[in-house]
Amino acid sequence: MNCSVPDRVLLSCAMARQLDRLCLQFLWDFVRAKETFIKSPFFPVLFSFTAYMAFCVPYIALDFLSTRLPNLRKYKIQPQSYPTLGMMLPCFIQSVYHHVVWIFPVTFLHWYWKPTHLPVIAPELPQVLLQVGVCLLLFDFEYFLWHLLHHRVPWLYRTIHKVHHKHVSTFALTTQYSSVWELLSLGLFAAINPFLLGCHPLTEMIFFLVNIWLSVEDHSGYDLPWSTHRLVPFGWYGGAPHHDLHHLKFKSNYAPYFTHWDRLFGTYTESHPN
């Protein structure tokens, strides 16, 4: 029996949605195969720390290689400054300490009060992309306000945020080199947005990975040809040059990722090539 045009449109839409879901169903089935581990109180802290270190390692290697290879050195935003092992080690030790002593107890309490539920069906791809994008925009806004406040109020800066500004020339491991209160504040922003949006657990994991990666890239100290800010048009995304300038000049570029809030509040400073 022949289908009418509206029926064909509805059928095409249904098939498209099914394909979108199948795109992620294989990945979600793989994740759910580790359900016992994912539902354990140890998963969030191990997931966070492992992702963070995995994203830092390429830049750590780049820091050591670029001092010997001129072709790599040209991508360093502040080529006169390179981190040493003595600078990296305290950052690494502090990150381990924060994850074990502070982040794990917080995630344990969350695990106790709200056990993880893993649905059988994966989310649709367009929904994942939309919600991850919204989570990033919300986090960018929340962190902009928090960051601006902690620079404008001297007590907040001295007490909470000053630790993060120890290094004027940033490198990957300085991403989480901060006071525990700053780390927990940003962790709260990252955790609450997927909750408010009702995100699927897979969407939440993808957002966490993207957020950690962008944070590390921001502090990497490198402006590479494939850096995120080169992929987003019209200068909407600041990236590593934008945030590196904040650590260097101190009084501008408070938003972590996008540039629109700094432009609106008059705190935007344009970064320039080396």
Protein backbone atom coordinates (compact mmCIF):
# COMPACT_ATOMS: atom_id res chain seq x y z
CA MET A 1 0.00 0.00 0.00
CA ASN A 2 1.32 3.42 -0.97
CA CYS A 3 2.07 5.92 1.79
CA SER A 4 0.88 9.49 1.59
CA VAL A 5 3.45 12.30 1.63
CA PRO A 6 2.85 13.16 5.33
CA ASP A 7 3.23 9.48 6.24
CA ARG A 8 6.53 9.29 4.35
CA VAL A 9 7.80 12.38 6.13
CA LEU A 10 6.87 10.91 9.50
CA LEU A 11 8.50 7.61 8.58
CA SER A 12 11.68 9.39 7.46
CA CYS A 13 11.80 11.36 10.71
CA ALA A 14 11.33 8.20 12.75
CA MET A 15 14.08 6.42 10.85
CA ALA A 16 16.41 9.41 11.25
CA ARG A 17 15.81 9.45 15.00
CA GLN A 18 16.45 5.72 15.19
CA LEU A 19 19.75 6.13 13.33
CA ASP A 20 20.74 9.00 15.64
CA ARG A 21 20.16 6.78 18.65
CA LEU A 22 21.98 3.82 17.11
CA CYS A 23 25.02 6.04 16.57
CA LEU A 24 25.50 6.14 20.33
CA GLN A 25 23.82 2.87 21.36
CA PHE A 26 26.94 0.80 20.66
CA LEU A 27 29.01 3.17 22.79
CA TRP A 28 26.43 3.19 25.55
CA ASP A 29 26.20 -0.62 25.54
CA PHE A 30 29.98 -0.74 25.96
CA VAL A 31 29.76 1.67 28.90
CA ARG A 32 26.91 -0.25 30.52
CA ALA A 33 28.95 -3.44 30.32
CA LYS A 34 31.05 -1.83 33.10
CA GLU A 35 27.92 -1.03 35.11
CA THR A 36 29.19 -2.39 38.42
CA PHE A 37 32.27 -0.18 38.28
CA ILE A 38 30.38 2.87 37.05
CA LYS A 39 27.90 2.57 39.91
CA SER A 40 30.69 2.29 42.48
CA PRO A 41 31.69 5.32 44.59
CA PHE A 42 35.19 5.17 43.09
CA PHE A 43 34.20 5.76 39.47
CA PRO A 44 33.62 9.58 39.48
CA VAL A 45 36.98 10.44 41.06
CA LEU A 46 38.90 7.93 38.91
CA PHE A 47 37.08 9.10 35.78
CA SER A 48 37.89 12.74 36.55
CA PHE A 49 41.54 12.22 37.45
CA THR A 50 42.26 9.78 34.60
CA ALA A 51 40.68 12.08 32.01
CA TYR A 52 42.56 15.06 33.39
CA MET A 53 45.94 13.36 33.31
CA ALA A 54 45.28 11.82 29.88
CA PHE A 55 44.61 15.29 28.46
CA CYS A 56 47.66 16.77 30.24
CA VAL A 57 50.19 14.16 29.09
CA PRO A 58 50.43 15.27 25.41
CA TYR A 59 51.14 18.85 26.50
CA ILE A 60 53.67 17.69 29.08
CA ALA A 61 55.48 15.81 26.31
CA LEU A 62 55.23 18.93 24.13
CA ASP A 63 56.82 21.05 26.87
CA PHE A 64 59.87 18.81 26.97
CA LEU A 65 60.10 18.31 23.20
CA SER A 66 59.63 21.93 22.16
CA THR A 67 62.71 23.06 24.09
CA ARG A 68 64.75 20.92 21.69
CA LEU A 69 62.72 21.23 18.48
CA PRO A 70 62.40 24.76 17.01
CA ASN A 71 59.51 23.69 14.77
CA LEU A 72 57.42 23.06 17.89
CA ARG A 73 58.64 26.11 19.77
CA LYS A 74 56.82 28.48 17.42
CA TYR A 75 53.49 27.30 18.83
CA LYS A 76 54.36 28.31 22.40
CA ILE A 77 52.37 31.39 23.40
CA GLN A 78 55.09 32.60 25.76
CA PRO A 79 58.20 31.07 24.13
CA GLN A 80 60.54 32.66 26.67
CA SER A 81 59.05 30.56 29.48
CA TYR A 82 59.03 26.77 29.79
CA PRO A 83 57.89 24.72 32.79
CA THR A 84 60.45 22.54 34.54
CA LEU A 85 59.90 19.22 36.26
CA GLY A 86 60.24 21.09 39.55
CA MET A 87 57.29 23.27 38.55
CA MET A 88 55.16 20.40 37.29
CA LEU A 89 55.59 18.07 40.25
CA PRO A 90 53.87 20.26 42.90
CA CYS A 91 50.92 20.70 40.53
CA PHE A 92 50.62 16.94 40.07
CA ILE A 93 50.93 16.23 43.80
CA GLN A 94 48.31 18.83 44.65
CA SER A 95 45.92 17.36 42.08
CA VAL A 96 46.31 13.87 43.56
CA TYR A 97 45.79 15.27 47.06
CA HIS A 98 42.65 17.18 46.09
CA HIS A 99 41.11 14.18 44.33
CA VAL A 100 41.79 11.81 47.23
CA VAL A 101 41.12 14.08 50.22
CA TRP A 102 38.35 16.33 48.90
CA ILE A 103 36.76 15.17 45.65
CA PHE A 104 36.39 11.52 46.63
CA PRO A 105 34.47 12.25 49.88
CA VAL A 106 32.14 14.62 48.02
CA THR A 107 31.44 12.08 45.25
CA PHE A 108 31.02 9.36 47.90
CA LEU A 109 28.28 11.39 49.59
CA HIS A 110 26.61 11.94 46.23
CA TRP A 111 26.81 8.20 45.54
CA TYR A 112 25.24 7.47 48.95
CA TRP A 113 22.37 9.95 48.58
CA LYS A 114 21.68 9.52 44.88
CA PRO A 115 22.72 6.15 43.43
CA THR A 116 23.55 6.14 39.72
CA HIS A 117 20.87 4.91 37.34
CA LEU A 118 21.91 3.72 33.88
CA PRO A 119 19.01 3.54 31.39
CA VAL A 120 19.07 0.88 28.70
CA ILE A 121 18.50 3.24 25.77
CA ALA A 122 21.19 5.67 24.62
CA PRO A 123 20.33 9.33 23.95
CA GLU A 124 19.92 10.67 20.43
CA LEU A 125 22.97 12.36 18.92
CA PRO A 126 21.33 15.78 18.27
CA GLN A 127 20.12 15.84 21.88
CA VAL A 128 23.63 15.07 23.15
CA LEU A 129 25.20 17.81 21.02
CA LEU A 130 22.57 20.36 22.07
CA GLN A 131 22.80 19.58 25.79
CA VAL A 132 26.60 19.49 25.83
CA GLY A 133 26.62 22.87 24.09
CA VAL A 134 24.12 24.33 26.58
CA CYS A 135 26.10 22.91 29.52
CA LEU A 136 29.26 24.57 28.19
CA LEU A 137 27.50 27.92 27.75
CA LEU A 138 26.05 27.73 31.27
CA PHE A 139 29.41 26.76 32.77
CA ASP A 140 31.09 29.59 30.87
CA PHE A 141 28.59 32.11 32.29
CA GLU A 142 28.80 30.76 35.85
CA TYR A 143 32.56 30.70 35.84
CA PHE A 144 32.75 34.19 34.31
CA LEU A 145 30.69 35.65 37.17
CA TRP A 146 32.61 33.65 39.80
CA HIS A 147 35.95 34.62 38.27
CA LEU A 148 35.11 38.32 37.93
CA LEU A 149 33.88 38.44 41.53
CA HIS A 150 37.07 36.79 42.83
CA HIS A 151 39.20 39.35 41.04
CA ARG A 152 37.14 42.37 42.08
CA VAL A 153 36.84 41.45 45.79
CA PRO A 154 40.35 41.50 47.32
CA TRP A 155 39.49 39.14 50.20
CA LEU A 156 38.11 36.50 47.82
CA TYR A 157 41.16 36.81 45.61
CA ARG A 158 43.65 36.48 48.46
CA THR A 159 41.76 33.69 50.20
CA ILE A 160 40.54 31.54 47.31
CA HIS A 161 41.78 32.47 43.84
CA LYS A 162 45.36 33.68 44.32
CA VAL A 163 46.81 30.15 44.29
CA HIS A 164 45.72 29.65 40.69
CA HIS A 165 47.65 32.75 39.61
CA LYS A 166 51.00 31.54 40.91
CA HIS A 167 52.12 30.85 37.32
CA VAL A 168 52.04 33.79 34.92
CA SER A 169 52.95 31.48 32.04
CA THR A 170 50.54 28.55 32.22
CA PHE A 171 51.16 24.89 31.38
CA ALA A 172 48.76 21.95 31.32
CA LEU A 173 49.17 20.88 34.95
CA THR A 174 48.31 24.38 36.19
CA THR A 175 44.71 23.75 35.07
CA GLN A 176 43.73 22.37 38.47
CA TYR A 177 46.45 24.09 40.49
CA SER A 178 44.09 26.03 42.72
CA SER A 179 42.66 26.20 46.20
CA VAL A 180 40.32 23.40 47.16
CA TRP A 181 37.42 25.87 47.39
CA GLU A 182 37.96 26.98 43.82
CA LEU A 183 38.18 23.40 42.62
CA LEU A 184 34.97 22.44 44.44
CA SER A 185 33.15 25.55 43.19
CA LEU A 186 33.96 24.80 39.57
CA GLY A 187 33.14 21.13 40.14
CA LEU A 188 29.72 22.20 41.44
CA PHE A 189 29.09 24.29 38.32
CA ALA A 190 30.10 21.38 36.09
CA ALA A 191 27.90 18.89 37.97
CA ILE A 192 24.76 20.96 38.45
CA ASN A 193 24.15 21.94 34.82
CA PRO A 194 23.61 18.39 33.45
CA PHE A 195 21.37 17.74 36.47
CA LEU A 196 19.25 20.81 35.79
CA LEU A 197 18.93 19.88 32.12
CA GLY A 198 18.05 16.26 32.93
CA CYS A 199 20.91 14.94 30.84
CA HIS A 200 21.39 11.26 30.07
CA PRO A 201 24.40 9.77 31.94
CA LEU A 202 26.25 9.38 28.62
CA THR A 203 25.65 13.05 27.81
CA GLU A 204 26.92 13.95 31.27
CA MET A 205 30.11 11.92 30.74
CA ILE A 206 30.71 13.50 27.33
CA PHE A 207 30.22 16.98 28.79
CA PHE A 208 32.69 16.24 31.60
CA LEU A 209 35.28 15.03 29.08
CA VAL A 210 34.80 18.04 26.80
CA ASN A 211 34.92 20.43 29.77
CA ILE A 212 38.12 18.90 31.15
CA TRP A 213 39.75 18.92 27.72
CA LEU A 214 38.88 22.57 27.05
CA SER A 215 40.17 23.56 30.50
CA VAL A 216 43.48 21.79 29.91
CA GLU A 217 43.79 23.28 26.43
CA ASP A 218 43.12 26.75 27.91
CA HIS A 219 46.09 26.35 30.27
CA SER A 220 48.35 24.44 27.88
CA GLY A 221 50.37 27.49 26.84
CA TYR A 222 50.21 26.44 23.18
CA ASP A 223 48.36 27.86 20.17
CA LEU A 224 48.32 24.85 17.86
CA PRO A 225 46.91 24.78 14.30
CA TRP A 226 44.01 22.56 15.46
CA SER A 227 43.26 24.47 18.66
CA THR A 228 39.56 24.89 19.41
CA HIS A 229 39.53 28.67 18.98
CA ARG A 230 40.67 28.19 15.37
CA LEU A 231 37.68 25.92 14.67
CA VAL A 232 35.01 28.30 16.03
CA PRO A 233 34.36 31.27 13.68
CA PHE A 234 34.10 35.04 14.32
CA GLY A 235 36.31 35.00 17.42
CA TRP A 236 33.46 33.65 19.58
CA TYR A 237 35.81 31.23 21.33
CA GLY A 238 38.94 32.56 23.03
CA GLY A 239 40.90 29.39 23.75
CA ALA A 240 44.46 29.20 25.05
CA PRO A 241 45.62 32.64 23.78
CA HIS A 242 42.61 34.29 25.43
CA HIS A 243 43.16 32.63 28.82
CA ASP A 244 46.95 32.83 28.70
CA LEU A 245 46.60 36.60 28.37
CA HIS A 246 44.44 36.61 31.50
CA HIS A 247 47.24 34.99 33.50
CA LEU A 248 49.76 37.37 31.98
CA LYS A 249 47.83 40.65 32.25
CA PHE A 250 45.52 39.66 35.12
CA LYS A 251 42.69 42.21 34.62
CA SER A 252 40.84 40.94 31.55
CA ASN A 253 39.46 37.84 29.79
CA TYR A 254 37.62 36.31 32.74
CA ALA A 255 35.43 33.88 30.79
CA PRO A 256 37.06 30.45 30.43
CA TYR A 257 35.92 29.62 26.91
CA PHE A 258 33.75 32.02 24.94
CA THR A 259 34.37 35.73 24.49
CA HIS A 260 30.87 37.25 24.50
CA TRP A 261 30.66 37.91 28.26
CA ASP A 262 34.00 39.69 28.34
CA ARG A 263 32.95 41.78 25.35
CA LEU A 264 29.62 42.70 27.00
CA PHE A 265 31.24 43.61 30.34
CA GLY A 266 34.14 45.49 28.76
CA THR A 267 36.76 43.07 30.12
CA TYR A 268 37.84 41.65 26.76
CA THR A 269 41.45 41.99 25.61
CA GLU A 270 42.35 40.64 22.20
CA SER A 271 45.24 38.23 22.06
CA HIS A 272 47.91 38.69 19.41
CA PRO A 273 50.18 36.21 17.64
CA ASN A 274 53.69 35.73 19.00
